[in-house]
C-alpha atoms as a PDB file:
ATOM      1  CA  MET A   1      -0.026   0.054   0.038  1.00  0.00           C
ATOM      2  CA  ASN A   2       1.365   3.399  -0.938  1.00  0.00           C
ATOM      3  CA  PRO A   3       1.683   6.012   1.807  1.00  0.00           C
ATOM      4  CA  PRO A   4      -0.935   8.737   1.723  1.00  0.00           C
ATOM      5  CA  ALA A   5      -0.034  11.646  -0.487  1.00  0.00           C
ATOM      6  CA  THR A   6       1.003  14.871   1.085  1.00  0.00           C
ATOM      7  CA  LYS A   7      -0.284  18.235   0.036  1.00  0.00           C
ATOM      8  CA  SER A   8       2.038  20.069  -2.357  1.00  0.00           C
ATOM      9  CA  GLY A   9       3.937  22.889  -0.512  1.00  0.00           C
ATOM     10  CA  ALA A  10       3.110  21.551   2.939  1.00  0.00           C
ATOM     11  CA  ALA A  11       5.582  22.767   5.534  1.00  0.00           C
ATOM     12  CA  ARG A  12       8.318  20.458   6.386  1.00  0.00           C
ATOM     13  CA  LYS A  13       8.977  19.598   9.968  1.00  0.00           C
ATOM     14  CA  HIS A  14      12.411  20.665  11.342  1.00  0.00           C
ATOM     15  CA  PRO A  15      14.066  18.946  14.294  1.00  0.00           C
ATOM     16  CA  PRO A  16      13.430  20.869  17.459  1.00  0.00           C
ATOM     17  CA  ARG A  17      16.230  23.379  18.227  1.00  0.00           C
ATOM     18  CA  ARG A  18      18.379  22.042  21.066  1.00  0.00           C
ATOM     19  CA  ARG A  19      18.058  24.154  24.240  1.00  0.00           C
ATOM     20  CA  ARG A  20      21.139  25.859  25.560  1.00  0.00           C
ATOM     21  CA  THR A  21      22.465  24.639  28.865  1.00  0.00           C
ATOM     22  CA  ALA A  22      22.918  26.988  31.730  1.00  0.00           C
ATOM     23  CA  ASP A  23      26.745  26.858  31.236  1.00  0.00           C
ATOM     24  CA  GLU A  24      26.443  27.696  27.595  1.00  0.00           C
ATOM     25  CA  THR A  25      24.124  30.614  28.308  1.00  0.00           C
ATOM     26  CA  ARG A  26      26.487  31.794  31.015  1.00  0.00           C
ATOM     27  CA  ARG A  27      29.377  31.739  28.658  1.00  0.00           C
ATOM     28  CA  ILE A  28      27.483  33.588  25.856  1.00  0.00           C
ATOM     29  CA  LEU A  29      26.386  36.332  28.302  1.00  0.00           C
ATOM     30  CA  LEU A  30      29.967  36.790  29.758  1.00  0.00           C
ATOM     31  CA  ASP A  31      31.417  36.943  26.286  1.00  0.00           C
ATOM     32  CA  ALA A  32      28.883  39.563  25.308  1.00  0.00           C
ATOM     33  CA  GLY A  33      29.591  41.617  28.511  1.00  0.00           C
ATOM     34  CA  THR A  34      33.343  41.359  27.795  1.00  0.00           C
ATOM     35  CA  ARG A  35      32.786  42.806  24.292  1.00  0.00           C
ATOM     36  CA  LEU A  36      30.841  45.596  25.679  1.00  0.00           C
ATOM     37  CA  VAL A  37      33.489  46.334  28.384  1.00  0.00           C
ATOM     38  CA  LEU A  38      36.245  46.389  25.680  1.00  0.00           C
ATOM     39  CA  GLU A  39      34.205  48.629  23.381  1.00  0.00           C
ATOM     40  CA  SER A  40      33.626  51.069  26.333  1.00  0.00           C
ATOM     41  CA  LEU A  41      37.402  51.408  26.939  1.00  0.00           C
ATOM     42  CA  TYR A  42      37.887  52.736  23.466  1.00  0.00           C
ATOM     43  CA  ALA A  43      34.686  54.828  23.171  1.00  0.00           C
ATOM     44  CA  ASP A  44      35.233  58.506  22.399  1.00  0.00           C
ATOM     45  CA  ASP A  45      32.913  59.383  25.229  1.00  0.00           C
ATOM     46  CA  ALA A  46      34.447  57.068  27.758  1.00  0.00           C
ATOM     47  CA  SER A  47      34.266  58.488  31.305  1.00  0.00           C
ATOM     48  CA  GLY A  48      35.151  57.578  34.859  1.00  0.00           C
ATOM     49  CA  GLY A  49      33.459  55.022  37.053  1.00  0.00           C
ATOM     50  CA  GLY A  50      35.267  51.933  36.097  1.00  0.00           C
ATOM     51  CA  PRO A  51      34.975  49.565  33.072  1.00  0.00           C
ATOM     52  CA  LEU A  52      31.626  48.102  34.357  1.00  0.00           C
ATOM     53  CA  ALA A  53      29.936  51.452  35.236  1.00  0.00           C
ATOM     54  CA  HIS A  54      27.877  51.499  31.993  1.00  0.00           C
ATOM     55  CA  ILE A  55      27.318  47.825  31.447  1.00  0.00           C
ATOM     56  CA  ARG A  56      23.524  47.164  31.688  1.00  0.00           C
ATOM     57  CA  VAL A  57      21.641  43.874  31.616  1.00  0.00           C
ATOM     58  CA  GLN A  58      19.566  44.934  28.706  1.00  0.00           C
ATOM     59  CA  ASP A  59      22.594  45.907  26.589  1.00  0.00           C
ATOM     60  CA  VAL A  60      24.392  42.555  27.426  1.00  0.00           C
ATOM     61  CA  VAL A  61      21.210  40.505  26.352  1.00  0.00           C
ATOM     62  CA  ARG A  62      20.910  42.503  23.242  1.00  0.00           C
ATOM     63  CA  GLU A  63      24.677  41.961  22.343  1.00  0.00           C
ATOM     64  CA  ALA A  64      24.470  38.241  23.204  1.00  0.00           C
ATOM     65  CA  SER A  65      21.464  37.692  20.933  1.00  0.00           C
ATOM     66  CA  LEU A  66      23.271  39.122  17.892  1.00  0.00           C
ATOM     67  CA  THR A  67      25.582  36.145  17.883  1.00  0.00           C
ATOM     68  CA  GLN A  68      22.873  33.420  18.349  1.00  0.00           C
ATOM     69  CA  ASP A  69      20.201  31.785  16.252  1.00  0.00           C
ATOM     70  CA  ALA A  70      17.703  32.144  19.133  1.00  0.00           C
ATOM     71  CA  ALA A  71      17.439  35.354  21.151  1.00  0.00           C
ATOM     72  CA  VAL A  72      18.929  35.371  24.685  1.00  0.00           C
ATOM     73  CA  THR A  73      16.373  36.658  27.076  1.00  0.00           C
ATOM     74  CA  THR A  74      16.678  38.945  30.149  1.00  0.00           C
ATOM     75  CA  GLY A  75      15.095  36.144  32.114  1.00  0.00           C
ATOM     76  CA  ALA A  76      17.790  33.719  31.048  1.00  0.00           C
ATOM     77  CA  LEU A  77      20.351  36.096  32.592  1.00  0.00           C
ATOM     78  CA  TYR A  78      18.415  36.617  35.847  1.00  0.00           C
ATOM     79  CA  ASN A  79      18.150  32.818  36.163  1.00  0.00           C
ATOM     80  CA  ILE A  80      21.878  32.796  36.597  1.00  0.00           C
ATOM     81  CA  TRP A  81      22.531  36.074  38.317  1.00  0.00           C
ATOM     82  CA  PRO A  82      19.666  37.379  40.485  1.00  0.00           C
ATOM     83  CA  THR A  83      20.848  40.973  40.240  1.00  0.00           C
ATOM     84  CA  GLN A  84      22.799  43.156  37.765  1.00  0.00           C
ATOM     85  CA  ARG A  85      25.525  43.625  40.378  1.00  0.00           C
ATOM     86  CA  GLU A  86      26.041  39.942  40.705  1.00  0.00           C
ATOM     87  CA  PHE A  87      26.399  39.663  36.971  1.00  0.00           C
ATOM     88  CA  GLN A  88      28.959  42.586  36.973  1.00  0.00           C
ATOM     89  CA  VAL A  89      31.038  40.951  39.716  1.00  0.00           C
ATOM     90  CA  ASP A  90      31.059  37.583  37.901  1.00  0.00           C
ATOM     91  CA  LEU A  91      31.925  39.504  34.629  1.00  0.00           C
ATOM     92  CA  MET A  92      34.860  41.147  36.380  1.00  0.00           C
ATOM     93  CA  PHE A  93      36.266  37.746  37.571  1.00  0.00           C
ATOM     94  CA  PHE A  94      35.645  36.341  34.034  1.00  0.00           C
ATOM     95  CA  ILE A  95      37.602  39.181  32.310  1.00  0.00           C
ATOM     96  CA  LEU A  96      40.473  39.000  34.846  1.00  0.00           C
ATOM     97  CA  LYS A  97      40.883  35.241  34.399  1.00  0.00           C
ATOM     98  CA  GLU A  98      40.131  34.950  30.714  1.00  0.00           C
ATOM     99  CA  ASP A  99      43.288  36.209  29.016  1.00  0.00           C
ATOM    100  CA  VAL A 100      44.682  39.110  31.093  1.00  0.00           C
ATOM    101  CA  TYR A 101      48.300  37.873  30.661  1.00  0.00           C
ATOM    102  CA  PRO A 102      48.317  36.903  26.933  1.00  0.00           C
ATOM    103  CA  SER A 103      52.106  36.797  26.910  1.00  0.00           C
ATOM    104  CA  ALA A 104      52.399  33.911  29.398  1.00  0.00           C
ATOM    105  CA  GLU A 105      52.162  30.889  27.081  1.00  0.00           C
ATOM    106  CA  PRO A 106      53.892  32.423  23.911  1.00  0.00           C
ATOM    107  CA  VAL A 107      56.812  33.788  26.157  1.00  0.00           C
ATOM    108  CA  LEU A 108      57.272  30.337  27.760  1.00  0.00           C
ATOM    109  CA  GLU A 109      57.245  28.682  24.292  1.00  0.00           C
ATOM    110  CA  LEU A 110      59.807  31.260  22.961  1.00  0.00           C
ATOM    111  CA  ALA A 111      62.004  30.703  26.004  1.00  0.00           C
ATOM    112  CA  GLY A 112      62.192  27.013  25.140  1.00  0.00           C
ATOM    113  CA  GLU A 113      63.288  27.897  21.622  1.00  0.00           C
ATOM    114  CA  LEU A 114      65.904  30.262  22.855  1.00  0.00           C
ATOM    115  CA  PHE A 115      67.260  27.759  25.509  1.00  0.00           C
ATOM    116  CA  ALA A 116      67.731  25.255  22.733  1.00  0.00           C
ATOM    117  CA  GLN A 117      69.984  27.779  20.796  1.00  0.00           C
ATOM    118  CA  ARG A 118      72.207  28.068  23.902  1.00  0.00           C
ATOM    119  CA  LEU A 119      72.055  31.898  23.784  1.00  0.00           C
ATOM    120  CA  PRO A 120      73.489  34.045  26.607  1.00  0.00           C
ATOM    121  CA  LEU A 121      70.976  34.533  29.444  1.00  0.00           C
ATOM    122  CA  THR A 122      71.074  38.376  28.905  1.00  0.00           C
ATOM    123  CA  VAL A 123      70.098  37.914  25.209  1.00  0.00           C
ATOM    124  CA  ILE A 124      67.246  35.539  26.237  1.00  0.00           C
ATOM    125  CA  GLY A 125      66.019  37.818  28.918  1.00  0.00           C
ATOM    126  CA  ALA A 126      65.816  40.826  26.534  1.00  0.00           C
ATOM    127  CA  ARG A 127      64.005  38.860  23.858  1.00  0.00           C
ATOM    128  CA  LEU A 128      61.433  37.539  26.346  1.00  0.00           C
ATOM    129  CA  SER A 129      60.922  40.937  27.882  1.00  0.00           C
ATOM    130  CA  ASP A 130      60.288  42.585  24.509  1.00  0.00           C
ATOM    131  CA  GLU A 131      58.017  39.924  23.275  1.00  0.00           C
ATOM    132  CA  GLY A 132      56.009  39.896  26.445  1.00  0.00           C
ATOM    133  CA  PHE A 133      55.617  43.601  26.451  1.00  0.00           C
ATOM    134  CA  ARG A 134      54.564  43.687  22.808  1.00  0.00           C
ATOM    135  CA  LEU A 135      51.825  41.072  23.440  1.00  0.00           C
ATOM    136  CA  ASP A 136      50.649  42.918  26.559  1.00  0.00           C
ATOM    137  CA  LEU A 137      50.469  46.225  24.659  1.00  0.00           C
ATOM    138  CA  GLU A 138      48.248  44.544  22.009  1.00  0.00           C
ATOM    139  CA  SER A 139      45.861  42.943  24.525  1.00  0.00           C
ATOM    140  CA  SER A 140      42.506  44.741  25.006  1.00  0.00           C
ATOM    141  CA  LEU A 141      41.869  42.404  28.128  1.00  0.00           C
ATOM    142  CA  ASN A 142      45.160  43.650  29.627  1.00  0.00           C
ATOM    143  CA  ARG A 143      43.870  47.155  29.305  1.00  0.00           C
ATOM    144  CA  ALA A 144      40.692  46.183  30.992  1.00  0.00           C
ATOM    145  CA  ALA A 145      42.593  44.742  33.912  1.00  0.00           C
ATOM    146  CA  ALA A 146      44.497  47.982  34.246  1.00  0.00           C
ATOM    147  CA  ALA A 147      41.203  49.778  34.521  1.00  0.00           C
ATOM    148  CA  PHE A 148      40.079  47.508  37.245  1.00  0.00           C
ATOM    149  CA  THR A 149      43.280  48.219  39.236  1.00  0.00           C
ATOM    150  CA  ALA A 150      42.156  51.742  39.863  1.00  0.00           C
ATOM    151  CA  LEU A 151      39.268  50.215  41.791  1.00  0.00           C
ATOM    152  CA  ALA A 152      41.318  47.927  43.972  1.00  0.00           C
ATOM    153  CA  GLY A 153      40.006  49.601  47.099  1.00  0.00           C
ATOM    154  CA  VAL A 154      36.616  47.905  46.459  1.00  0.00           C
ATOM    155  CA  PRO A 155      36.711  44.495  48.125  1.00  0.00           C
ATOM    156  CA  ALA A 156      35.052  42.521  45.266  1.00  0.00           C
ATOM    157  CA  VAL A 157      37.551  44.148  42.758  1.00  0.00           C
ATOM    158  CA  ARG A 158      40.555  43.518  44.969  1.00  0.00           C
ATOM    159  CA  GLU A 159      39.535  39.804  45.424  1.00  0.00           C
ATOM    160  CA  ALA A 160      39.287  39.440  41.554  1.00  0.00           C
ATOM    161  CA  LEU A 161      42.655  41.145  41.021  1.00  0.00           C
ATOM    162  CA  ARG A 162      44.279  38.948  43.660  1.00  0.00           C
ATOM    163  CA  SER A 163      42.834  35.840  41.783  1.00  0.00           C
ATOM    164  CA  ALA A 164      44.304  37.116  38.583  1.00  0.00           C
ATOM    165  CA  HIS A 165      47.676  37.805  40.244  1.00  0.00           C
ATOM    166  CA  GLU A 166      47.716  34.146  41.431  1.00  0.00           C
ATOM    167  CA  SER A 167      47.384  33.070  37.733  1.00  0.00           C
ATOM    168  CA  LEU A 168      50.263  35.435  36.953  1.00  0.00           C
ATOM    169  CA  LEU A 169      52.406  33.789  39.721  1.00  0.00           C
ATOM    170  CA  GLU A 170      51.605  30.375  38.492  1.00  0.00           C
ATOM    171  CA  ALA A 171      52.785  31.235  34.943  1.00  0.00           C
ATOM    172  CA  GLY A 172      55.802  33.225  36.156  1.00  0.00           C
ATOM    173  CA  ARG A 173      57.065  30.412  38.319  1.00  0.00           C
ATOM    174  CA  LYS A 174      57.408  28.170  35.237  1.00  0.00           C
ATOM    175  CA  LEU A 175      59.263  30.820  33.297  1.00  0.00           C
ATOM    176  CA  TYR A 176      61.599  32.124  35.908  1.00  0.00           C
ATOM    177  CA  SER A 177      62.505  28.777  37.328  1.00  0.00           C
ATOM    178  CA  GLN A 178      63.760  27.849  33.918  1.00  0.00           C
ATOM    179  CA  LEU A 179      65.639  31.079  33.557  1.00  0.00           C
ATOM    180  CA  LEU A 180      67.313  30.545  36.889  1.00  0.00           C
ATOM    181  CA  THR A 181      68.235  26.989  36.179  1.00  0.00           C
ATOM    182  CA  TYR A 182      69.624  27.989  32.760  1.00  0.00           C
ATOM    183  CA  GLY A 183      71.686  30.756  34.232  1.00  0.00           C
ATOM    184  CA  GLY A 184      72.870  28.801  37.232  1.00  0.00           C
ATOM    185  CA  LEU A 185      71.185  31.371  39.508  1.00  0.00           C
ATOM    186  CA  ARG A 186      68.842  31.482  42.539  1.00  0.00           C
ATOM    187  CA  VAL A 187      66.886  34.246  44.196  1.00  0.00           C
ATOM    188  CA  ARG A 188      68.997  36.197  46.631  1.00  0.00           C
ATOM    189  CA  ALA A 189      67.860  35.672  50.329  1.00  0.00           C
ATOM    190  CA  PRO A 190      65.731  36.862  51.994  1.00  0.00           C
ATOM    191  CA  TYR A 191      63.621  37.315  48.900  1.00  0.00           C
ATOM    192  CA  THR A 192      61.397  34.793  47.154  1.00  0.00           C
ATOM    193  CA  LEU A 193      60.664  33.825  43.543  1.00  0.00           C
ATOM    194  CA  ASP A 194      57.033  35.078  43.906  1.00  0.00           C
ATOM    195  CA  GLN A 195      58.435  38.508  45.078  1.00  0.00           C
ATOM    196  CA  LEU A 196      60.684  38.664  42.029  1.00  0.00           C
ATOM    197  CA  ILE A 197      57.753  37.879  39.765  1.00  0.00           C
ATOM    198  CA  THR A 198      55.565  40.445  41.565  1.00  0.00           C
ATOM    199  CA  VAL A 199      58.188  43.266  41.164  1.00  0.00           C
ATOM    200  CA  ILE A 200      58.799  42.582  37.543  1.00  0.00           C
ATOM    201  CA  ALA A 201      55.021  42.465  36.887  1.00  0.00           C
ATOM    202  CA  ALA A 202      54.588  45.878  38.666  1.00  0.00           C
ATOM    203  CA  LEU A 203      57.448  47.322  36.534  1.00  0.00           C
ATOM    204  CA  THR A 204      55.721  45.965  33.301  1.00  0.00           C
ATOM    205  CA  ASP A 205      52.248  47.333  34.390  1.00  0.00           C
ATOM    206  CA  GLY A 206      53.818  50.763  35.090  1.00  0.00           C
ATOM    207  CA  LEU A 207      55.672  50.846  31.774  1.00  0.00           C
ATOM    208  CA  LEU A 208      52.459  49.843  29.968  1.00  0.00           C
ATOM    209  CA  GLU A 209      50.603  52.652  31.528  1.00  0.00           C
ATOM    210  CA  LYS A 210      53.397  55.183  30.611  1.00  0.00           C
ATOM    211  CA  HIS A 211      53.560  53.827  26.998  1.00  0.00           C
ATOM    212  CA  ALA A 212      49.920  54.689  26.629  1.00  0.00           C
ATOM    213  CA  ILE A 213      50.652  58.245  27.614  1.00  0.00           C
ATOM    214  CA  VAL A 214      54.203  59.082  26.379  1.00  0.00           C
ATOM    215  CA  PRO A 215      55.075  56.359  23.727  1.00  0.00           C
ATOM    216  CA  GLU A 216      57.844  58.592  22.353  1.00  0.00           C
ATOM    217  CA  GLN A 217      59.781  58.067  25.558  1.00  0.00           C
ATOM    218  CA  PHE A 218      60.188  54.436  24.702  1.00  0.00           C
ATOM    219  CA  GLU A 219      62.206  55.131  21.582  1.00  0.00           C
ATOM    220  CA  VAL A 220      65.846  54.030  21.792  1.00  0.00           C
ATOM    221  CA  PRO A 221      68.684  53.935  19.200  1.00  0.00           C
ATOM    222  CA  ASP A 222      69.146  50.916  17.038  1.00  0.00           C
ATOM    223  CA  GLY A 223      71.145  48.195  18.841  1.00  0.00           C
ATOM    224  CA  ALA A 224      70.263  49.514  22.317  1.00  0.00           C
ATOM    225  CA  LEU A 225      68.288  47.538  24.763  1.00  0.00           C
ATOM    226  CA  SER A 226      64.563  48.575  25.089  1.00  0.00           C
ATOM    227  CA  LEU A 227      63.436  50.197  28.275  1.00  0.00           C
ATOM    228  CA  ILE A 228      61.465  47.085  29.305  1.00  0.00           C
ATOM    229  CA  ALA A 229      64.533  44.822  28.598  1.00  0.00           C
ATOM    230  CA  LYS A 230      66.990  47.087  30.348  1.00  0.00           C
ATOM    231  CA  SER A 231      64.934  47.642  33.473  1.00  0.00           C
ATOM    232  CA  THR A 232      63.877  43.962  33.754  1.00  0.00           C
ATOM    233  CA  GLU A 233      67.503  42.872  33.394  1.00  0.00           C
ATOM    234  CA  ALA A 234      68.424  45.345  36.217  1.00  0.00           C
ATOM    235  CA  ILE A 235      65.777  43.971  38.610  1.00  0.00           C
ATOM    236  CA  PHE A 236      66.443  40.326  37.768  1.00  0.00           C
ATOM    237  CA  LEU A 237      70.280  40.730  38.367  1.00  0.00           C
ATOM    238  CA  GLN A 238      69.622  42.583  41.726  1.00  0.00           C
ATOM    239  CA  PHE A 239      67.405  39.826  42.977  1.00  0.00           C
ATOM    240  CA  CYS A 240      69.565  36.930  41.838  1.00  0.00           C
ATOM    241  CA  GLU A 241      72.966  35.384  42.578  1.00  0.00           C
ATOM    242  CA  PRO A 242      75.051  32.361  41.558  1.00  0.00           C
ATOM    243  CA  VAL A 243      73.954  29.088  43.119  1.00  0.00           C
ATOM    244  CA  ASP A 244      77.560  28.402  44.269  1.00  0.00           C
ATOM    245  CA  VAL A 245      77.913  31.660  46.314  1.00  0.00           C
END
């Protein structure tokens, strides 16, 4: 028996659209919030109040929906974060953990290549300093982190920044332990490796801030060490000594 004929032009049934999980929705909304934060940092009318001051739930939902087949609703956001403030705090942690130190992995990879070439430690240090500084300069997320630093007096912001600093220390321990071993050095007592990493990170943050204001001051003659390479080398040598001392 033949199946019953269907009417010409009848609508075809499509498989039901898979519903997003709560984790997927959370990531979509945090990604959208991050894009809005980064856009606000470069806006011509950017004002004070911190990078989250003008981030509103309605704007985040609208931004998130632009990248999805099905709209993201305000209700979906409030199912995850009961208040706008809770969303903003989670967004801050997300931004500070996402890729605030973009130079970490590439610099560690470059270090391995330079170690294999058996170059002098000072040459390796200069190359790593310059590459890390370049990557940090190009990172919008790094700029967002700097904006949060101005609000470090706020407990929630300080907690997020401390969490980000722990990520920095974790990456820095890998790199600087290799540099110390390669150069036959150790951190000079009573200082610690984490303190060395923290001081160099503070130097880098300060130079990134100054570069945004007076980039011409970073120009040096051909063949001379860059400001970041020269200053990082000075700190590194002051904090370290040969292992056989």
